[in-house]
């Protein structure tokens, strides 16, 4: 069986969503760290 990707735009969209999610997590973590440092 050969795996042919019939919808390549979905995989790129999924990769883009994962990258966006990772960026959001990094931003949220950065904001949380900044808030914790300021609170400290």
ModelCIF file with pLDDT and N, C-alpha, C, O atoms, coordinates in Angstrom:
data_MODEL
#
_entry.id   MODEL 
#
_entity.id                         1 
_entity.type                       polymer 
_entity.pdbx_number_of_molecules   1 
#
_entity_poly.entity_id                      1 
_entity_poly.type                           'polypeptide(L)' 
_entity_poly.nstd_linkage                   no 
_entity_poly.nstd_monomer                   no 
_entity_poly.pdbx_seq_one_letter_code       
;(UNK)(UNK)(UNK)(UNK)(UNK)(UNK)(UNK)(UNK)(UNK)(UNK)(UNK)(UNK)(UNK)(UNK)(UNK)(UNK)
(UNK)(UNK)(UNK)(UNK)(UNK)(UNK)(UNK)(UNK)(UNK)(UNK)(UNK)(UNK)(UNK)(UNK)(UNK)(UNK)
(UNK)(UNK)(UNK)(UNK)(UNK)(UNK)(UNK)(UNK)
;
_entity_poly.pdbx_seq_one_letter_code_can   XXXXXXXXXXXXXXXXXXXXXXXXXXXXXXXXXXXXXXXX 
_entity_poly.pdbx_strand_id                 A 
#
loop_
_entity_poly_seq.entity_id 
_entity_poly_seq.num 
_entity_poly_seq.mon_id 
_entity_poly_seq.hetero 
1 1  UNK n 
1 2  UNK n 
1 3  UNK n 
1 4  UNK n 
1 5  UNK n 
1 6  UNK n 
1 7  UNK n 
1 8  UNK n 
1 9  UNK n 
1 10 UNK n 
1 11 UNK n 
1 12 UNK n 
1 13 UNK n 
1 14 UNK n 
1 15 UNK n 
1 16 UNK n 
1 17 UNK n 
1 18 UNK n 
1 19 UNK n 
1 20 UNK n 
1 21 UNK n 
1 22 UNK n 
1 23 UNK n 
1 24 UNK n 
1 25 UNK n 
1 26 UNK n 
1 27 UNK n 
1 28 UNK n 
1 29 UNK n 
1 30 UNK n 
1 31 UNK n 
1 32 UNK n 
1 33 UNK n 
1 34 UNK n 
1 35 UNK n 
1 36 UNK n 
1 37 UNK n 
1 38 UNK n 
1 39 UNK n 
1 40 UNK n 
#
_struct_asym.id          A 
_struct_asym.entity_id   1 
#
loop_
_ma_qa_metric.id 
_ma_qa_metric.mode 
_ma_qa_metric.name 
_ma_qa_metric.software_group_id 
_ma_qa_metric.type 
1 global pLDDT . pLDDT 
2 local  pLDDT . pLDDT 
#
_ma_qa_metric_global.metric_id      1 
_ma_qa_metric_global.metric_value   88.12 
_ma_qa_metric_global.model_id       1 
_ma_qa_metric_global.ordinal_id     1 
#
loop_
_ma_qa_metric_local.label_asym_id 
_ma_qa_metric_local.label_comp_id 
_ma_qa_metric_local.label_seq_id 
_ma_qa_metric_local.metric_id 
_ma_qa_metric_local.metric_value 
_ma_qa_metric_local.model_id 
_ma_qa_metric_local.ordinal_id 
A UNK 1  2 71.00 1 1  
A UNK 2  2 74.00 1 2  
A UNK 3  2 71.00 1 3  
A UNK 4  2 71.00 1 4  
A UNK 5  2 64.00 1 5  
A UNK 6  2 68.00 1 6  
A UNK 7  2 71.00 1 7  
A UNK 8  2 69.00 1 8  
A UNK 9  2 71.00 1 9  
A UNK 10 2 76.00 1 10 
A UNK 11 2 79.00 1 11 
A UNK 12 2 83.00 1 12 
A UNK 13 2 85.00 1 13 
A UNK 14 2 87.00 1 14 
A UNK 15 2 90.00 1 15 
A UNK 16 2 92.00 1 16 
A UNK 17 2 93.00 1 17 
A UNK 18 2 95.00 1 18 
A UNK 19 2 95.00 1 19 
A UNK 20 2 96.00 1 20 
A UNK 21 2 96.00 1 21 
A UNK 22 2 96.00 1 22 
A UNK 23 2 97.00 1 23 
A UNK 24 2 97.00 1 24 
A UNK 25 2 97.00 1 25 
A UNK 26 2 97.00 1 26 
A UNK 27 2 97.00 1 27 
A UNK 28 2 96.00 1 28 
A UNK 29 2 96.00 1 29 
A UNK 30 2 96.00 1 30 
A UNK 31 2 96.00 1 31 
A UNK 32 2 96.00 1 32 
A UNK 33 2 96.00 1 33 
A UNK 34 2 97.00 1 34 
A UNK 35 2 96.00 1 35 
A UNK 36 2 96.00 1 36 
A UNK 37 2 96.00 1 37 
A UNK 38 2 96.00 1 38 
A UNK 39 2 95.00 1 39 
A UNK 40 2 95.00 1 40 
#
loop_
_atom_site.group_PDB 
_atom_site.id 
_atom_site.type_symbol 
_atom_site.label_atom_id 
_atom_site.label_alt_id 
_atom_site.label_comp_id 
_atom_site.label_asym_id 
_atom_site.label_entity_id 
_atom_site.label_seq_id 
_atom_site.pdbx_PDB_ins_code 
_atom_site.Cartn_x 
_atom_site.Cartn_y 
_atom_site.Cartn_z 
_atom_site.occupancy 
_atom_site.B_iso_or_equiv 
_atom_site.pdbx_formal_charge 
_atom_site.auth_seq_id 
_atom_site.auth_comp_id 
_atom_site.auth_asym_id 
_atom_site.auth_atom_id 
_atom_site.pdbx_PDB_model_num 
ATOM 1   N N  . UNK A 1 1  ? 0.875  -1.170 0.000  1.00 71.00 ? 1  UNK A N  1 
ATOM 2   C CA . UNK A 1 1  ? 0.000  0.000  0.000  1.00 71.00 ? 1  UNK A CA 1 
ATOM 3   C C  . UNK A 1 1  ? 0.911  1.219  0.000  1.00 71.00 ? 1  UNK A C  1 
ATOM 4   O O  . UNK A 1 1  ? 1.916  1.258  0.709  1.00 71.00 ? 1  UNK A O  1 
ATOM 5   N N  . UNK A 1 2  ? 0.587  2.106  -0.716 1.00 74.00 ? 2  UNK A N  1 
ATOM 6   C CA . UNK A 1 2  ? 1.356  3.339  -0.815 1.00 74.00 ? 2  UNK A CA 1 
ATOM 7   C C  . UNK A 1 2  ? 0.529  4.445  -0.200 1.00 74.00 ? 2  UNK A C  1 
ATOM 8   O O  . UNK A 1 2  ? -0.684 4.514  -0.399 1.00 74.00 ? 2  UNK A O  1 
ATOM 9   N N  . UNK A 1 3  ? 1.162  5.275  0.517  1.00 71.00 ? 3  UNK A N  1 
ATOM 10  C CA . UNK A 1 3  ? 0.443  6.374  1.145  1.00 71.00 ? 3  UNK A CA 1 
ATOM 11  C C  . UNK A 1 3  ? 0.608  7.627  0.335  1.00 71.00 ? 3  UNK A C  1 
ATOM 12  O O  . UNK A 1 3  ? 1.676  8.237  0.301  1.00 71.00 ? 3  UNK A O  1 
ATOM 13  N N  . UNK A 1 4  ? -0.409 7.981  -0.279 1.00 71.00 ? 4  UNK A N  1 
ATOM 14  C CA . UNK A 1 4  ? -0.382 9.180  -1.092 1.00 71.00 ? 4  UNK A CA 1 
ATOM 15  C C  . UNK A 1 4  ? -1.202 10.227 -0.370 1.00 71.00 ? 4  UNK A C  1 
ATOM 16  O O  . UNK A 1 4  ? -2.321 9.979  0.079  1.00 71.00 ? 4  UNK A O  1 
ATOM 17  N N  . UNK A 1 5  ? -0.633 11.360 -0.278 1.00 64.00 ? 5  UNK A N  1 
ATOM 18  C CA . UNK A 1 5  ? -1.300 12.470 0.390  1.00 64.00 ? 5  UNK A CA 1 
ATOM 19  C C  . UNK A 1 5  ? -2.134 13.197 -0.641 1.00 64.00 ? 5  UNK A C  1 
ATOM 20  O O  . UNK A 1 5  ? -1.616 13.894 -1.514 1.00 64.00 ? 5  UNK A O  1 
ATOM 21  N N  . UNK A 1 6  ? -3.385 13.025 -0.525 1.00 68.00 ? 6  UNK A N  1 
ATOM 22  C CA . UNK A 1 6  ? -4.260 13.657 -1.484 1.00 68.00 ? 6  UNK A CA 1 
ATOM 23  C C  . UNK A 1 6  ? -4.585 15.095 -1.085 1.00 68.00 ? 6  UNK A C  1 
ATOM 24  O O  . UNK A 1 6  ? -4.971 15.912 -1.921 1.00 68.00 ? 6  UNK A O  1 
ATOM 25  N N  . UNK A 1 7  ? -4.428 15.380 0.156  1.00 71.00 ? 7  UNK A N  1 
ATOM 26  C CA . UNK A 1 7  ? -4.723 16.744 0.611  1.00 71.00 ? 7  UNK A CA 1 
ATOM 27  C C  . UNK A 1 7  ? -3.469 17.333 1.288  1.00 71.00 ? 7  UNK A C  1 
ATOM 28  O O  . UNK A 1 7  ? -3.419 17.382 2.517  1.00 71.00 ? 7  UNK A O  1 
ATOM 29  N N  . UNK A 1 8  ? -2.472 17.775 0.532  1.00 69.00 ? 8  UNK A N  1 
ATOM 30  C CA . UNK A 1 8  ? -1.234 18.278 1.140  1.00 69.00 ? 8  UNK A CA 1 
ATOM 31  C C  . UNK A 1 8  ? -1.433 19.595 1.900  1.00 69.00 ? 8  UNK A C  1 
ATOM 32  O O  . UNK A 1 8  ? -0.670 19.906 2.814  1.00 69.00 ? 8  UNK A O  1 
ATOM 33  N N  . UNK A 1 9  ? -2.388 20.313 1.548  1.00 71.00 ? 9  UNK A N  1 
ATOM 34  C CA . UNK A 1 9  ? -2.615 21.597 2.227  1.00 71.00 ? 9  UNK A CA 1 
ATOM 35  C C  . UNK A 1 9  ? -3.049 21.388 3.662  1.00 71.00 ? 9  UNK A C  1 
ATOM 36  O O  . UNK A 1 9  ? -2.834 22.263 4.500  1.00 71.00 ? 9  UNK A O  1 
ATOM 37  N N  . UNK A 1 10 ? -3.686 20.190 3.984  1.00 76.00 ? 10 UNK A N  1 
ATOM 38  C CA . UNK A 1 10 ? -4.114 19.898 5.349  1.00 76.00 ? 10 UNK A CA 1 
ATOM 39  C C  . UNK A 1 10 ? -2.912 19.657 6.242  1.00 76.00 ? 10 UNK A C  1 
ATOM 40  O O  . UNK A 1 10 ? -2.879 20.113 7.385  1.00 76.00 ? 10 UNK A O  1 
ATOM 41  N N  . UNK A 1 11 ? -1.930 18.946 5.725  1.00 79.00 ? 11 UNK A N  1 
ATOM 42  C CA . UNK A 1 11 ? -0.748 18.692 6.552  1.00 79.00 ? 11 UNK A CA 1 
ATOM 43  C C  . UNK A 1 11 ? 0.013  19.979 6.798  1.00 79.00 ? 11 UNK A C  1 
ATOM 44  O O  . UNK A 1 11 ? 0.512  20.189 7.904  1.00 79.00 ? 11 UNK A O  1 
ATOM 45  N N  . UNK A 1 12 ? 0.116  20.824 5.830  1.00 83.00 ? 12 UNK A N  1 
ATOM 46  C CA . UNK A 1 12 ? 0.803  22.095 6.060  1.00 83.00 ? 12 UNK A CA 1 
ATOM 47  C C  . UNK A 1 12 ? -0.005 22.968 7.029  1.00 83.00 ? 12 UNK A C  1 
ATOM 48  O O  . UNK A 1 12 ? 0.563  23.698 7.841  1.00 83.00 ? 12 UNK A O  1 
ATOM 49  N N  . UNK A 1 13 ? -1.324 22.884 6.933  1.00 85.00 ? 13 UNK A N  1 
ATOM 50  C CA . UNK A 1 13 ? -2.182 23.634 7.860  1.00 85.00 ? 13 UNK A CA 1 
ATOM 51  C C  . UNK A 1 13 ? -2.027 23.109 9.274  1.00 85.00 ? 13 UNK A C  1 
ATOM 52  O O  . UNK A 1 13 ? -1.988 23.877 10.235 1.00 85.00 ? 13 UNK A O  1 
ATOM 53  N N  . UNK A 1 14 ? -1.939 21.794 9.389  1.00 87.00 ? 14 UNK A N  1 
ATOM 54  C CA . UNK A 1 14 ? -1.765 21.189 10.702 1.00 87.00 ? 14 UNK A CA 1 
ATOM 55  C C  . UNK A 1 14 ? -0.419 21.593 11.293 1.00 87.00 ? 14 UNK A C  1 
ATOM 56  O O  . UNK A 1 14 ? -0.321 21.922 12.476 1.00 87.00 ? 14 UNK A O  1 
ATOM 57  N N  . UNK A 1 15 ? 0.633  21.564 10.442 1.00 90.00 ? 15 UNK A N  1 
ATOM 58  C CA . UNK A 1 15 ? 1.949  21.999 10.903 1.00 90.00 ? 15 UNK A CA 1 
ATOM 59  C C  . UNK A 1 15 ? 1.922  23.470 11.328 1.00 90.00 ? 15 UNK A C  1 
ATOM 60  O O  . UNK A 1 15 ? 2.529  23.854 12.328 1.00 90.00 ? 15 UNK A O  1 
ATOM 61  N N  . UNK A 1 16 ? 1.223  24.261 10.565 1.00 92.00 ? 16 UNK A N  1 
ATOM 62  C CA . UNK A 1 16 ? 1.111  25.690 10.890 1.00 92.00 ? 16 UNK A CA 1 
ATOM 63  C C  . UNK A 1 16 ? 0.366  25.869 12.195 1.00 92.00 ? 16 UNK A C  1 
ATOM 64  O O  . UNK A 1 16 ? 0.746  26.722 12.996 1.00 92.00 ? 16 UNK A O  1 
ATOM 65  N N  . UNK A 1 17 ? -0.691 25.090 12.443 1.00 93.00 ? 17 UNK A N  1 
ATOM 66  C CA . UNK A 1 17 ? -1.448 25.169 13.692 1.00 93.00 ? 17 UNK A CA 1 
ATOM 67  C C  . UNK A 1 17 ? -0.574 24.737 14.859 1.00 93.00 ? 17 UNK A C  1 
ATOM 68  O O  . UNK A 1 17 ? -0.606 25.350 15.926 1.00 93.00 ? 17 UNK A O  1 
ATOM 69  N N  . UNK A 1 18 ? 0.214  23.673 14.656 1.00 95.00 ? 18 UNK A N  1 
ATOM 70  C CA . UNK A 1 18 ? 1.109  23.218 15.729 1.00 95.00 ? 18 UNK A CA 1 
ATOM 71  C C  . UNK A 1 18 ? 2.142  24.293 16.055 1.00 95.00 ? 18 UNK A C  1 
ATOM 72  O O  . UNK A 1 18 ? 2.414  24.563 17.225 1.00 95.00 ? 18 UNK A O  1 
ATOM 73  N N  . UNK A 1 19 ? 2.723  24.910 15.007 1.00 95.00 ? 19 UNK A N  1 
ATOM 74  C CA . UNK A 1 19 ? 3.698  25.983 15.236 1.00 95.00 ? 19 UNK A CA 1 
ATOM 75  C C  . UNK A 1 19 ? 3.041  27.171 15.931 1.00 95.00 ? 19 UNK A C  1 
ATOM 76  O O  . UNK A 1 19 ? 3.629  27.770 16.831 1.00 95.00 ? 19 UNK A O  1 
ATOM 77  N N  . UNK A 1 20 ? 1.835  27.506 15.517 1.00 96.00 ? 20 UNK A N  1 
ATOM 78  C CA . UNK A 1 20 ? 1.095  28.610 16.139 1.00 96.00 ? 20 UNK A CA 1 
ATOM 79  C C  . UNK A 1 20 ? 0.796  28.299 17.604 1.00 96.00 ? 20 UNK A C  1 
ATOM 80  O O  . UNK A 1 20 ? 0.920  29.157 18.479 1.00 96.00 ? 20 UNK A O  1 
ATOM 81  N N  . UNK A 1 21 ? 0.400  27.050 17.848 1.00 96.00 ? 21 UNK A N  1 
ATOM 82  C CA . UNK A 1 21 ? 0.113  26.642 19.232 1.00 96.00 ? 21 UNK A CA 1 
ATOM 83  C C  . UNK A 1 21 ? 1.381  26.721 20.084 1.00 96.00 ? 21 UNK A C  1 
ATOM 84  O O  . UNK A 1 21 ? 1.341  27.190 21.222 1.00 96.00 ? 21 UNK A O  1 
ATOM 85  N N  . UNK A 1 22 ? 2.508  26.258 19.528 1.00 96.00 ? 22 UNK A N  1 
ATOM 86  C CA . UNK A 1 22 ? 3.767  26.319 20.256 1.00 96.00 ? 22 UNK A CA 1 
ATOM 87  C C  . UNK A 1 22 ? 4.166  27.773 20.535 1.00 96.00 ? 22 UNK A C  1 
ATOM 88  O O  . UNK A 1 22 ? 4.637  28.088 21.628 1.00 96.00 ? 22 UNK A O  1 
ATOM 89  N N  . UNK A 1 23 ? 3.981  28.647 19.562 1.00 97.00 ? 23 UNK A N  1 
ATOM 90  C CA . UNK A 1 23 ? 4.280  30.066 19.761 1.00 97.00 ? 23 UNK A CA 1 
ATOM 91  C C  . UNK A 1 23 ? 3.383  30.654 20.848 1.00 97.00 ? 23 UNK A C  1 
ATOM 92  O O  . UNK A 1 23 ? 3.841  31.413 21.702 1.00 97.00 ? 23 UNK A O  1 
ATOM 93  N N  . UNK A 1 24 ? 2.097  30.292 20.805 1.00 97.00 ? 24 UNK A N  1 
ATOM 94  C CA . UNK A 1 24 ? 1.167  30.796 21.822 1.00 97.00 ? 24 UNK A CA 1 
ATOM 95  C C  . UNK A 1 24 ? 1.567  30.313 23.209 1.00 97.00 ? 24 UNK A C  1 
ATOM 96  O O  . UNK A 1 24 ? 1.524  31.064 24.183 1.00 97.00 ? 24 UNK A O  1 
ATOM 97  N N  . UNK A 1 25 ? 1.961  29.036 23.277 1.00 97.00 ? 25 UNK A N  1 
ATOM 98  C CA . UNK A 1 25 ? 2.396  28.493 24.575 1.00 97.00 ? 25 UNK A CA 1 
ATOM 99  C C  . UNK A 1 25 ? 3.647  29.226 25.042 1.00 97.00 ? 25 UNK A C  1 
ATOM 100 O O  . UNK A 1 25 ? 3.756  29.573 26.218 1.00 97.00 ? 25 UNK A O  1 
ATOM 101 N N  . UNK A 1 26 ? 4.601  29.469 24.126 1.00 97.00 ? 26 UNK A N  1 
ATOM 102 C CA . UNK A 1 26 ? 5.822  30.195 24.496 1.00 97.00 ? 26 UNK A CA 1 
ATOM 103 C C  . UNK A 1 26 ? 5.493  31.624 24.949 1.00 97.00 ? 26 UNK A C  1 
ATOM 104 O O  . UNK A 1 26 ? 6.068  32.123 25.917 1.00 97.00 ? 26 UNK A O  1 
ATOM 105 N N  . UNK A 1 27 ? 4.567  32.273 24.243 1.00 97.00 ? 27 UNK A N  1 
ATOM 106 C CA . UNK A 1 27 ? 4.172  33.637 24.627 1.00 97.00 ? 27 UNK A CA 1 
ATOM 107 C C  . UNK A 1 27 ? 3.496  33.617 25.997 1.00 97.00 ? 27 UNK A C  1 
ATOM 108 O O  . UNK A 1 27 ? 3.791  34.443 26.861 1.00 97.00 ? 27 UNK A O  1 
ATOM 109 N N  . UNK A 1 28 ? 2.584  32.657 26.181 1.00 96.00 ? 28 UNK A N  1 
ATOM 110 C CA . UNK A 1 28 ? 1.896  32.564 27.476 1.00 96.00 ? 28 UNK A CA 1 
ATOM 111 C C  . UNK A 1 28 ? 2.896  32.260 28.584 1.00 96.00 ? 28 UNK A C  1 
ATOM 112 O O  . UNK A 1 28 ? 2.853  32.866 29.655 1.00 96.00 ? 28 UNK A O  1 
ATOM 113 N N  . UNK A 1 29 ? 3.808  31.305 28.316 1.00 96.00 ? 29 UNK A N  1 
ATOM 114 C CA . UNK A 1 29 ? 4.836  31.000 29.314 1.00 96.00 ? 29 UNK A CA 1 
ATOM 115 C C  . UNK A 1 29 ? 5.716  32.216 29.582 1.00 96.00 ? 29 UNK A C  1 
ATOM 116 O O  . UNK A 1 29 ? 6.065  32.477 30.734 1.00 96.00 ? 29 UNK A O  1 
ATOM 117 N N  . UNK A 1 30 ? 6.077  32.953 28.560 1.00 96.00 ? 30 UNK A N  1 
ATOM 118 C CA . UNK A 1 30 ? 6.883  34.172 28.727 1.00 96.00 ? 30 UNK A CA 1 
ATOM 119 C C  . UNK A 1 30 ? 6.149  35.202 29.568 1.00 96.00 ? 30 UNK A C  1 
ATOM 120 O O  . UNK A 1 30 ? 6.722  35.808 30.473 1.00 96.00 ? 30 UNK A O  1 
ATOM 121 N N  . UNK A 1 31 ? 4.850  35.393 29.250 1.00 96.00 ? 31 UNK A N  1 
ATOM 122 C CA . UNK A 1 31 ? 4.047  36.352 30.036 1.00 96.00 ? 31 UNK A CA 1 
ATOM 123 C C  . UNK A 1 31 ? 3.945  35.889 31.481 1.00 96.00 ? 31 UNK A C  1 
ATOM 124 O O  . UNK A 1 31 ? 4.074  36.696 32.401 1.00 96.00 ? 31 UNK A O  1 
ATOM 125 N N  . UNK A 1 32 ? 3.712  34.590 31.691 1.00 96.00 ? 32 UNK A N  1 
ATOM 126 C CA . UNK A 1 32 ? 3.612  34.050 33.049 1.00 96.00 ? 32 UNK A CA 1 
ATOM 127 C C  . UNK A 1 32 ? 4.936  34.255 33.789 1.00 96.00 ? 32 UNK A C  1 
ATOM 128 O O  . UNK A 1 32 ? 4.946  34.647 34.956 1.00 96.00 ? 32 UNK A O  1 
ATOM 129 N N  . UNK A 1 33 ? 6.062  33.985 33.099 1.00 96.00 ? 33 UNK A N  1 
ATOM 130 C CA . UNK A 1 33 ? 7.373  34.173 33.730 1.00 96.00 ? 33 UNK A CA 1 
ATOM 131 C C  . UNK A 1 33 ? 7.577  35.645 34.078 1.00 96.00 ? 33 UNK A C  1 
ATOM 132 O O  . UNK A 1 33 ? 8.043  35.964 35.171 1.00 96.00 ? 33 UNK A O  1 
ATOM 133 N N  . UNK A 1 34 ? 7.234  36.537 33.162 1.00 97.00 ? 34 UNK A N  1 
ATOM 134 C CA . UNK A 1 34 ? 7.372  37.972 33.433 1.00 97.00 ? 34 UNK A CA 1 
ATOM 135 C C  . UNK A 1 34 ? 6.499  38.380 34.615 1.00 97.00 ? 34 UNK A C  1 
ATOM 136 O O  . UNK A 1 34 ? 6.943  39.126 35.488 1.00 97.00 ? 34 UNK A O  1 
ATOM 137 N N  . UNK A 1 35 ? 5.259  37.892 34.646 1.00 96.00 ? 35 UNK A N  1 
ATOM 138 C CA . UNK A 1 35 ? 4.355  38.212 35.768 1.00 96.00 ? 35 UNK A CA 1 
ATOM 139 C C  . UNK A 1 35 ? 4.929  37.681 37.073 1.00 96.00 ? 35 UNK A C  1 
ATOM 140 O O  . UNK A 1 35 ? 4.913  38.378 38.087 1.00 96.00 ? 35 UNK A O  1 
ATOM 141 N N  . UNK A 1 36 ? 5.439  36.441 37.055 1.00 96.00 ? 36 UNK A N  1 
ATOM 142 C CA . UNK A 1 36 ? 6.025  35.861 38.274 1.00 96.00 ? 36 UNK A CA 1 
ATOM 143 C C  . UNK A 1 36 ? 7.260  36.638 38.720 1.00 96.00 ? 36 UNK A C  1 
ATOM 144 O O  . UNK A 1 36 ? 7.452  36.856 39.917 1.00 96.00 ? 36 UNK A O  1 
ATOM 145 N N  . UNK A 1 37 ? 8.099  37.057 37.774 1.00 96.00 ? 37 UNK A N  1 
ATOM 146 C CA . UNK A 1 37 ? 9.298  37.835 38.128 1.00 96.00 ? 37 UNK A CA 1 
ATOM 147 C C  . UNK A 1 37 ? 8.890  39.178 38.726 1.00 96.00 ? 37 UNK A C  1 
ATOM 148 O O  . UNK A 1 37 ? 9.445  39.601 39.740 1.00 96.00 ? 37 UNK A O  1 
ATOM 149 N N  . UNK A 1 38 ? 7.925  39.846 38.104 1.00 96.00 ? 38 UNK A N  1 
ATOM 150 C CA . UNK A 1 38 ? 7.449  41.133 38.624 1.00 96.00 ? 38 UNK A CA 1 
ATOM 151 C C  . UNK A 1 38 ? 6.833  40.931 40.009 1.00 96.00 ? 38 UNK A C  1 
ATOM 152 O O  . UNK A 1 38 ? 7.093  41.711 40.926 1.00 96.00 ? 38 UNK A O  1 
ATOM 153 N N  . UNK A 1 39 ? 6.026  39.897 40.160 1.00 95.00 ? 39 UNK A N  1 
ATOM 154 C CA . UNK A 1 39 ? 5.401  39.621 41.451 1.00 95.00 ? 39 UNK A CA 1 
ATOM 155 C C  . UNK A 1 39 ? 6.476  39.341 42.495 1.00 95.00 ? 39 UNK A C  1 
ATOM 156 O O  . UNK A 1 39 ? 6.382  39.821 43.625 1.00 95.00 ? 39 UNK A O  1 
ATOM 157 N N  . UNK A 1 40 ? 7.506  38.561 42.124 1.00 95.00 ? 40 UNK A N  1 
ATOM 158 C CA . UNK A 1 40 ? 8.616  38.274 43.027 1.00 95.00 ? 40 UNK A CA 1 
ATOM 159 C C  . UNK A 1 40 ? 9.331  39.573 43.445 1.00 95.00 ? 40 UNK A C  1 
ATOM 160 O O  . UNK A 1 40 ? 10.296 39.529 44.208 1.00 95.00 ? 40 UNK A O  1 
#
